[in-house]
C-alpha atoms as a PDB file:
ATOM      1  CA  MET A   1     156.896  73.972 202.193  1.00  0.00           C
ATOM      2  CA  PHE A   2     160.826  74.188 202.518  1.00  0.00           C
ATOM      3  CA  ASN A   3     161.348  75.280 199.034  1.00  0.00           C
ATOM      4  CA  LEU A   4     158.564  78.022 199.698  1.00  0.00           C
ATOM      5  CA  LEU A   5     160.218  79.444 203.088  1.00  0.00           C
ATOM      6  CA  TRP A   6     163.873  78.548 201.418  1.00  0.00           C
ATOM      7  CA  GLY A   7     162.433  80.810 198.462  1.00  0.00           C
ATOM      8  CA  VAL A   8     161.190  83.927 200.545  1.00  0.00           C
ATOM      9  CA  LEU A   9     164.724  84.047 202.061  1.00  0.00           C
ATOM     10  CA  PHE A  10     166.297  83.892 198.312  1.00  0.00           C
ATOM     11  CA  VAL A  11     164.015  86.732 196.857  1.00  0.00           C
ATOM     12  CA  ILE A  12     165.116  88.582 200.069  1.00  0.00           C
ATOM     13  CA  VAL A  13     169.238  87.874 199.395  1.00  0.00           C
ATOM     14  CA  ASN A  14     168.898  88.628 195.699  1.00  0.00           C
ATOM     15  CA  PHE A  15     167.370  92.161 196.670  1.00  0.00           C
ATOM     16  CA  ALA A  16     169.451  92.910 199.369  1.00  0.00           C
ATOM     17  CA  PHE A  17     172.700  92.305 197.093  1.00  0.00           C
ATOM     18  CA  PHE A  18     170.527  94.819 194.309  1.00  0.00           C
ATOM     19  CA  LEU A  19     170.502  97.556 196.469  1.00  0.00           C
ATOM     20  CA  LEU A  20     173.829  97.122 197.739  1.00  0.00           C
ATOM     21  CA  CYS A  21     175.005  96.831 194.107  1.00  0.00           C
ATOM     22  CA  TYR A  22     173.825 100.217 193.591  1.00  0.00           C
ATOM     23  CA  ARG A  23     174.634 101.624 197.396  1.00  0.00           C
ATOM     24  CA  LEU A  24     178.397 100.684 196.378  1.00  0.00           C
ATOM     25  CA  PHE A  25     178.852 101.613 193.028  1.00  0.00           C
ATOM     26  CA  GLY A  26     176.147 103.751 191.810  1.00  0.00           C
ATOM     27  CA  LYS A  27     175.193 103.841 188.398  1.00  0.00           C
ATOM     28  CA  SER A  28     178.269 101.709 187.191  1.00  0.00           C
ATOM     29  CA  GLY A  29     176.889  99.098 189.388  1.00  0.00           C
ATOM     30  CA  MET A  30     173.770  98.908 187.436  1.00  0.00           C
ATOM     31  CA  TYR A  31     175.323  98.287 184.460  1.00  0.00           C
ATOM     32  CA  ALA A  32     177.492  95.549 186.204  1.00  0.00           C
ATOM     33  CA  TRP A  33     174.292  94.009 187.364  1.00  0.00           C
ATOM     34  CA  VAL A  34     172.682  93.416 184.348  1.00  0.00           C
ATOM     35  CA  GLY A  35     175.746  91.801 182.823  1.00  0.00           C
ATOM     36  CA  ILE A  36     175.899  89.338 186.056  1.00  0.00           C
ATOM     37  CA  ALA A  37     171.858  88.880 186.133  1.00  0.00           C
ATOM     38  CA  THR A  38     171.038  87.787 182.211  1.00  0.00           C
ATOM     39  CA  VAL A  39     174.122  85.052 182.618  1.00  0.00           C
ATOM     40  CA  ILE A  40     172.992  83.950 186.226  1.00  0.00           C
ATOM     41  CA  ALA A  41     169.154  84.075 185.549  1.00  0.00           C
ATOM     42  CA  ASN A  42     169.774  81.842 182.231  1.00  0.00           C
ATOM     43  CA  ILE A  43     171.720  79.029 184.404  1.00  0.00           C
ATOM     44  CA  GLN A  44     169.406  79.302 187.195  1.00  0.00           C
ATOM     45  CA  VAL A  45     166.771  78.604 184.673  1.00  0.00           C
ATOM     46  CA  ALA A  46     167.940  74.742 184.134  1.00  0.00           C
ATOM     47  CA  LYS A  47     166.762  73.916 187.674  1.00  0.00           C
ATOM     48  CA  THR A  48     163.328  73.194 188.257  1.00  0.00           C
ATOM     49  CA  ILE A  49     162.013  72.831 191.666  1.00  0.00           C
ATOM     50  CA  ALA A  50     158.393  71.847 193.295  1.00  0.00           C
ATOM     51  CA  MET A  51     156.425  74.426 195.357  1.00  0.00           C
ATOM     52  CA  PRO A  52     153.348  73.839 197.479  1.00  0.00           C
ATOM     53  CA  PHE A  53     150.226  72.662 195.503  1.00  0.00           C
ATOM     54  CA  ASP A  54     152.196  70.590 193.343  1.00  0.00           C
ATOM     55  CA  ILE A  55     153.513  73.205 191.217  1.00  0.00           C
ATOM     56  CA  VAL A  56     156.333  72.875 189.319  1.00  0.00           C
ATOM     57  CA  MET A  57     158.675  76.107 188.385  1.00  0.00           C
ATOM     58  CA  THR A  58     162.074  76.585 187.296  1.00  0.00           C
ATOM     59  CA  LEU A  59     164.564  79.094 189.113  1.00  0.00           C
ATOM     60  CA  GLY A  60     165.793  82.488 187.436  1.00  0.00           C
ATOM     61  CA  ASN A  61     162.501  84.363 188.238  1.00  0.00           C
ATOM     62  CA  THR A  62     163.946  86.341 190.682  1.00  0.00           C
ATOM     63  CA  MET A  63     166.850  87.245 189.036  1.00  0.00           C
ATOM     64  CA  TYR A  64     165.106  88.042 185.672  1.00  0.00           C
ATOM     65  CA  VAL A  65     162.730  90.590 187.637  1.00  0.00           C
ATOM     66  CA  THR A  66     165.794  92.571 189.044  1.00  0.00           C
ATOM     67  CA  LEU A  67     166.500  93.380 185.211  1.00  0.00           C
ATOM     68  CA  TYR A  68     163.105  95.287 184.952  1.00  0.00           C
ATOM     69  CA  MET A  69     163.788  96.669 188.087  1.00  0.00           C
ATOM     70  CA  THR A  70     167.311  97.855 186.573  1.00  0.00           C
ATOM     71  CA  SER A  71     166.338  99.101 183.246  1.00  0.00           C
ATOM     72  CA  ASP A  72     163.226 100.911 185.544  1.00  0.00           C
ATOM     73  CA  LEU A  73     165.579 102.488 188.259  1.00  0.00           C
ATOM     74  CA  LEU A  74     168.366 103.964 185.306  1.00  0.00           C
ATOM     75  CA  ASN A  75     165.014 105.296 183.814  1.00  0.00           C
ATOM     76  CA  GLU A  76     163.334 106.982 186.602  1.00  0.00           C
ATOM     77  CA  LYS A  77     166.929 108.861 187.722  1.00  0.00           C
ATOM     78  CA  TYR A  78     168.715 108.806 184.422  1.00  0.00           C
ATOM     79  CA  GLY A  79     166.705 108.844 181.400  1.00  0.00           C
ATOM     80  CA  ARG A  80     165.542 106.107 178.874  1.00  0.00           C
ATOM     81  CA  ALA A  81     168.379 106.896 177.125  1.00  0.00           C
ATOM     82  CA  GLU A  82     170.441 105.166 179.970  1.00  0.00           C
ATOM     83  CA  ALA A  83     167.910 102.287 180.327  1.00  0.00           C
ATOM     84  CA  ARG A  84     168.291 101.751 176.532  1.00  0.00           C
ATOM     85  CA  LYS A  85     171.629 101.447 176.943  1.00  0.00           C
ATOM     86  CA  ALA A  86     171.681  99.002 179.862  1.00  0.00           C
ATOM     87  CA  VAL A  87     169.490  96.983 178.206  1.00  0.00           C
ATOM     88  CA  TRP A  88     171.788  96.626 175.022  1.00  0.00           C
ATOM     89  CA  PHE A  89     174.587  95.830 177.314  1.00  0.00           C
ATOM     90  CA  GLY A  90     172.587  92.897 178.611  1.00  0.00           C
ATOM     91  CA  PHE A  91     171.722  91.694 175.404  1.00  0.00           C
ATOM     92  CA  PHE A  92     175.170  91.751 174.427  1.00  0.00           C
ATOM     93  CA  THR A  93     176.476  89.753 177.825  1.00  0.00           C
ATOM     94  CA  LEU A  94     173.956  87.047 176.954  1.00  0.00           C
ATOM     95  CA  LEU A  95     174.864  86.834 173.219  1.00  0.00           C
ATOM     96  CA  MET A  96     178.631  86.755 173.953  1.00  0.00           C
ATOM     97  CA  THR A  97     178.197  83.963 176.658  1.00  0.00           C
ATOM     98  CA  THR A  98     175.908  82.050 174.709  1.00  0.00           C
ATOM     99  CA  VAL A  99     178.358  82.230 171.402  1.00  0.00           C
ATOM    100  CA  ILE A 100     181.102  81.319 173.514  1.00  0.00           C
ATOM    101  CA  MET A 101     180.265  78.849 176.067  1.00  0.00           C
ATOM    102  CA  GLN A 102     178.544  76.801 172.682  1.00  0.00           C
ATOM    103  CA  MET A 103     182.343  77.161 171.173  1.00  0.00           C
ATOM    104  CA  VAL A 104     183.798  75.845 174.468  1.00  0.00           C
ATOM    105  CA  LEU A 105     181.803  72.442 174.391  1.00  0.00           C
ATOM    106  CA  VAL A 106     183.137  71.830 171.039  1.00  0.00           C
ATOM    107  CA  PHE A 107     186.285  71.373 172.262  1.00  0.00           C
ATOM    108  CA  LYS A 108     187.572  67.543 172.965  1.00  0.00           C
ATOM    109  CA  PRO A 109     187.806  66.904 176.502  1.00  0.00           C
ATOM    110  CA  GLN A 110     190.795  65.365 177.927  1.00  0.00           C
ATOM    111  CA  GLU A 111     190.330  61.769 179.274  1.00  0.00           C
ATOM    112  CA  THR A 112     190.379  62.793 182.963  1.00  0.00           C
ATOM    113  CA  ASP A 113     188.451  65.569 182.617  1.00  0.00           C
ATOM    114  CA  ILE A 114     185.541  66.056 185.045  1.00  0.00           C
ATOM    115  CA  ALA A 115     183.708  69.218 183.701  1.00  0.00           C
ATOM    116  CA  GLN A 116     182.379  68.418 180.496  1.00  0.00           C
ATOM    117  CA  SER A 117     179.347  66.688 181.080  1.00  0.00           C
ATOM    118  CA  SER A 118     178.397  69.586 183.815  1.00  0.00           C
ATOM    119  CA  LEU A 119     179.008  72.308 181.365  1.00  0.00           C
ATOM    120  CA  GLU A 120     177.156  69.934 178.573  1.00  0.00           C
ATOM    121  CA  THR A 121     173.922  70.166 181.470  1.00  0.00           C
ATOM    122  CA  ILE A 122     174.487  74.273 182.088  1.00  0.00           C
ATOM    123  CA  PHE A 123     175.225  75.586 178.956  1.00  0.00           C
ATOM    124  CA  GLY A 124     174.285  73.063 176.369  1.00  0.00           C
ATOM    125  CA  LEU A 125     171.067  74.797 175.380  1.00  0.00           C
ATOM    126  CA  MET A 126     168.947  73.497 172.152  1.00  0.00           C
ATOM    127  CA  PRO A 127     168.967  76.263 169.781  1.00  0.00           C
ATOM    128  CA  ARG A 128     165.468  77.042 170.185  1.00  0.00           C
ATOM    129  CA  LEU A 129     166.207  77.810 173.828  1.00  0.00           C
ATOM    130  CA  ALA A 130     169.155  79.875 173.352  1.00  0.00           C
ATOM    131  CA  LEU A 131     167.083  81.812 170.376  1.00  0.00           C
ATOM    132  CA  GLY A 132     163.928  81.860 172.814  1.00  0.00           C
ATOM    133  CA  SER A 133     165.859  83.542 175.560  1.00  0.00           C
ATOM    134  CA  LEU A 134     167.905  85.994 173.515  1.00  0.00           C
ATOM    135  CA  THR A 135     164.410  86.979 171.652  1.00  0.00           C
ATOM    136  CA  ALA A 136     162.299  87.261 174.638  1.00  0.00           C
ATOM    137  CA  TYR A 137     165.160  89.423 176.234  1.00  0.00           C
ATOM    138  CA  PHE A 138     165.780  91.743 173.642  1.00  0.00           C
ATOM    139  CA  ILE A 139     161.810  92.448 172.967  1.00  0.00           C
ATOM    140  CA  SER A 140     160.658  92.710 176.230  1.00  0.00           C
ATOM    141  CA  GLN A 141     163.127  94.857 177.864  1.00  0.00           C
ATOM    142  CA  PHE A 142     162.824  97.389 175.491  1.00  0.00           C
ATOM    143  CA  LEU A 143     159.118  97.396 175.476  1.00  0.00           C
ATOM    144  CA  ASP A 144     159.393  97.769 179.344  1.00  0.00           C
ATOM    145  CA  VAL A 145     161.791 100.844 178.961  1.00  0.00           C
ATOM    146  CA  ARG A 146     159.205 102.149 176.325  1.00  0.00           C
ATOM    147  CA  LEU A 147     156.176 101.732 178.516  1.00  0.00           C
ATOM    148  CA  TYR A 148     158.189 102.852 181.403  1.00  0.00           C
ATOM    149  CA  SER A 149     158.476 106.407 179.611  1.00  0.00           C
ATOM    150  CA  TRP A 150     155.214 106.459 178.452  1.00  0.00           C
ATOM    151  CA  ILE A 151     153.529 105.911 181.695  1.00  0.00           C
ATOM    152  CA  ARG A 152     155.448 108.632 183.458  1.00  0.00           C
ATOM    153  CA  LYS A 153     153.850 111.129 181.059  1.00  0.00           C
ATOM    154  CA  TYR A 154     150.629 110.560 182.665  1.00  0.00           C
ATOM    155  CA  TYR A 155     151.631 109.132 186.107  1.00  0.00           C
ATOM    156  CA  SER A 156     154.811 111.467 186.746  1.00  0.00           C
ATOM    157  CA  THR A 157     154.605 112.336 190.563  1.00  0.00           C
ATOM    158  CA  SER A 158     157.261 110.661 192.929  1.00  0.00           C
ATOM    159  CA  SER A 159     154.717 108.803 194.818  1.00  0.00           C
ATOM    160  CA  GLN A 160     153.418 107.371 191.630  1.00  0.00           C
ATOM    161  CA  LEU A 161     156.680 104.965 190.832  1.00  0.00           C
ATOM    162  CA  TRP A 162     154.889 101.766 191.873  1.00  0.00           C
ATOM    163  CA  ILE A 163     152.378 102.643 188.775  1.00  0.00           C
ATOM    164  CA  ARG A 164     155.221 103.461 186.322  1.00  0.00           C
ATOM    165  CA  SER A 165     157.272 100.106 187.767  1.00  0.00           C
ATOM    166  CA  ASN A 166     154.420  97.698 188.187  1.00  0.00           C
ATOM    167  CA  GLY A 167     152.484  98.862 185.266  1.00  0.00           C
ATOM    168  CA  SER A 168     155.687  98.461 182.458  1.00  0.00           C
ATOM    169  CA  THR A 169     157.142  95.265 184.030  1.00  0.00           C
ATOM    170  CA  MET A 170     154.114  93.379 184.416  1.00  0.00           C
ATOM    171  CA  ILE A 171     153.181  93.914 180.917  1.00  0.00           C
ATOM    172  CA  SER A 172     156.575  93.383 179.106  1.00  0.00           C
ATOM    173  CA  SER A 173     157.355  90.317 181.552  1.00  0.00           C
ATOM    174  CA  PHE A 174     154.517  88.627 179.978  1.00  0.00           C
ATOM    175  CA  VAL A 175     155.233  89.561 176.716  1.00  0.00           C
ATOM    176  CA  ASP A 176     158.644  88.280 177.980  1.00  0.00           C
ATOM    177  CA  THR A 177     156.887  84.624 179.274  1.00  0.00           C
ATOM    178  CA  LEU A 178     154.798  84.068 175.985  1.00  0.00           C
ATOM    179  CA  ILE A 179     157.467  84.882 173.524  1.00  0.00           C
ATOM    180  CA  PHE A 180     159.899  82.381 175.423  1.00  0.00           C
ATOM    181  CA  CYS A 181     157.573  80.066 175.964  1.00  0.00           C
ATOM    182  CA  THR A 182     156.159  79.932 172.391  1.00  0.00           C
ATOM    183  CA  ILE A 183     159.873  79.777 170.818  1.00  0.00           C
ATOM    184  CA  ALA A 184     161.315  77.130 173.552  1.00  0.00           C
ATOM    185  CA  PHE A 185     158.412  75.045 173.880  1.00  0.00           C
ATOM    186  CA  ALA A 186     155.188  75.183 171.473  1.00  0.00           C
ATOM    187  CA  GLY A 187     155.013  71.767 170.112  1.00  0.00           C
ATOM    188  CA  LEU A 188     157.485  69.714 172.619  1.00  0.00           C
ATOM    189  CA  TYR A 189     154.350  69.765 175.052  1.00  0.00           C
ATOM    190  CA  ASP A 190     150.449  69.404 175.013  1.00  0.00           C
ATOM    191  CA  TRP A 191     148.441  72.561 175.198  1.00  0.00           C
ATOM    192  CA  ASP A 192     147.707  72.152 178.375  1.00  0.00           C
ATOM    193  CA  VAL A 193     151.091  71.519 180.224  1.00  0.00           C
ATOM    194  CA  TRP A 194     152.241  74.355 177.908  1.00  0.00           C
ATOM    195  CA  LEU A 195     149.554  76.607 179.473  1.00  0.00           C
ATOM    196  CA  GLU A 196     150.487  75.809 182.862  1.00  0.00           C
ATOM    197  CA  ILE A 197     154.235  76.700 182.133  1.00  0.00           C
ATOM    198  CA  LEU A 198     153.249  79.817 180.637  1.00  0.00           C
ATOM    199  CA  LEU A 199     150.767  80.541 183.409  1.00  0.00           C
ATOM    200  CA  THR A 200     152.814  79.574 186.473  1.00  0.00           C
ATOM    201  CA  THR A 201     156.359  81.568 185.412  1.00  0.00           C
ATOM    202  CA  TYR A 202     154.438  84.673 184.696  1.00  0.00           C
ATOM    203  CA  LEU A 203     152.421  84.382 188.070  1.00  0.00           C
ATOM    204  CA  ALA A 204     155.964  83.918 189.626  1.00  0.00           C
ATOM    205  CA  LYS A 205     156.854  86.899 187.918  1.00  0.00           C
ATOM    206  CA  PHE A 206     153.765  89.093 188.460  1.00  0.00           C
ATOM    207  CA  LEU A 207     154.485  88.613 192.270  1.00  0.00           C
ATOM    208  CA  LEU A 208     157.906  89.221 192.317  1.00  0.00           C
ATOM    209  CA  THR A 209     157.193  92.234 190.319  1.00  0.00           C
ATOM    210  CA  ALA A 210     154.610  93.504 193.173  1.00  0.00           C
ATOM    211  CA  VAL A 211     157.010  92.527 196.267  1.00  0.00           C
ATOM    212  CA  SER A 212     160.226  94.481 194.339  1.00  0.00           C
ATOM    213  CA  THR A 213     158.215  97.921 194.620  1.00  0.00           C
ATOM    214  CA  PRO A 214     159.470  98.932 197.708  1.00  0.00           C
ATOM    215  CA  ILE A 215     163.125  98.088 196.748  1.00  0.00           C
ATOM    216  CA  LEU A 216     162.987 100.583 194.077  1.00  0.00           C
ATOM    217  CA  TYR A 217     161.498 103.431 196.669  1.00  0.00           C
ATOM    218  CA  ILE A 218     164.354 102.575 198.608  1.00  0.00           C
ATOM    219  CA  ALA A 219     167.081 102.491 195.779  1.00  0.00           C
ATOM    220  CA  ARG A 220     165.856 105.863 194.602  1.00  0.00           C
ATOM    221  CA  THR A 221     166.740 107.444 197.541  1.00  0.00           C
ATOM    222  CA  PHE A 222     170.349 106.747 197.127  1.00  0.00           C
ATOM    223  CA  THR A 223     172.483 109.750 196.403  1.00  0.00           C
ATOM    224  CA  PHE A 224     176.237 110.043 194.522  1.00  0.00           C
ATOM    225  CA  ALA A 225     178.253 113.176 194.851  1.00  0.00           C
ATOM    226  CA  GLU A 226     179.742 112.019 191.106  1.00  0.00           C
ATOM    227  CA  GLU A 227     176.179 112.359 189.573  1.00  0.00           C
ATOM    228  CA  GLY A 228     174.372 115.519 191.307  1.00  0.00           C
ATOM    229  CA  SER A 229     171.392 115.486 192.743  1.00  0.00           C
ATOM    230  CA  PRO A 230     168.247 113.391 191.492  1.00  0.00           C
ATOM    231  CA  SER A 231     166.226 116.503 189.860  1.00  0.00           C
ATOM    232  CA  SER A 232     169.326 117.126 187.904  1.00  0.00           C
ATOM    233  CA  VAL A 233     169.480 113.625 185.594  1.00  0.00           C
ATOM    234  CA  GLN A 234     166.104 111.688 185.929  1.00  0.00           C
ATOM    235  CA  LYS A 235     164.789 113.589 183.407  1.00  0.00           C
ATOM    236  CA  LYS A 236     167.567 112.932 180.653  1.00  0.00           C
ATOM    237  CA  ASP A 237     165.737 111.083 177.773  1.00  0.00           C
END
């Protein structure tokens, strides 16, 4: 029960920092958030926790959902081109971090070094895990941007933001989970275990997506003098 209660606080803190980052730094803050979140999410995923009903899950889902929140917010207020740019930036950040840290691990540590083993645990991902993460991010994030723009053609009013955001994110996050689990874990686990990992991971993202909806409504109300009014920028596709 502790992990569940602590997890609720954890989600609140993550979403609070997301809002604060946008409130303080505007659109630039969202690009910075994408860069940081892609790295943090892939570090957190190395840790597994036990939730009630003996559900075992990895961390990183909350931070990963904020990536969809970021692309949806940029799409909503600044247009699809800005959202795509953020996805490219996140992909570059993740690729750069993966390559550089793999090179760091190759250096032979000095005899009194205490960091090598810890770094290997965190960044010593198997090639298929790194490939799964990069592929899933690239495909699902661009899918989210496209779906959001498509759904907005039919549900374009201000009050229908929840349809645009939840619809695009819940579909694209399933694609993300399916791609990652297939590349990273297919053949390593029995079908039942693989399916449980897939479903529990997606369920966590599904619930977090729903919970994040009010956060997007709040973030959309933020205005910045240097950007002009929201109505002057949100249709720039």
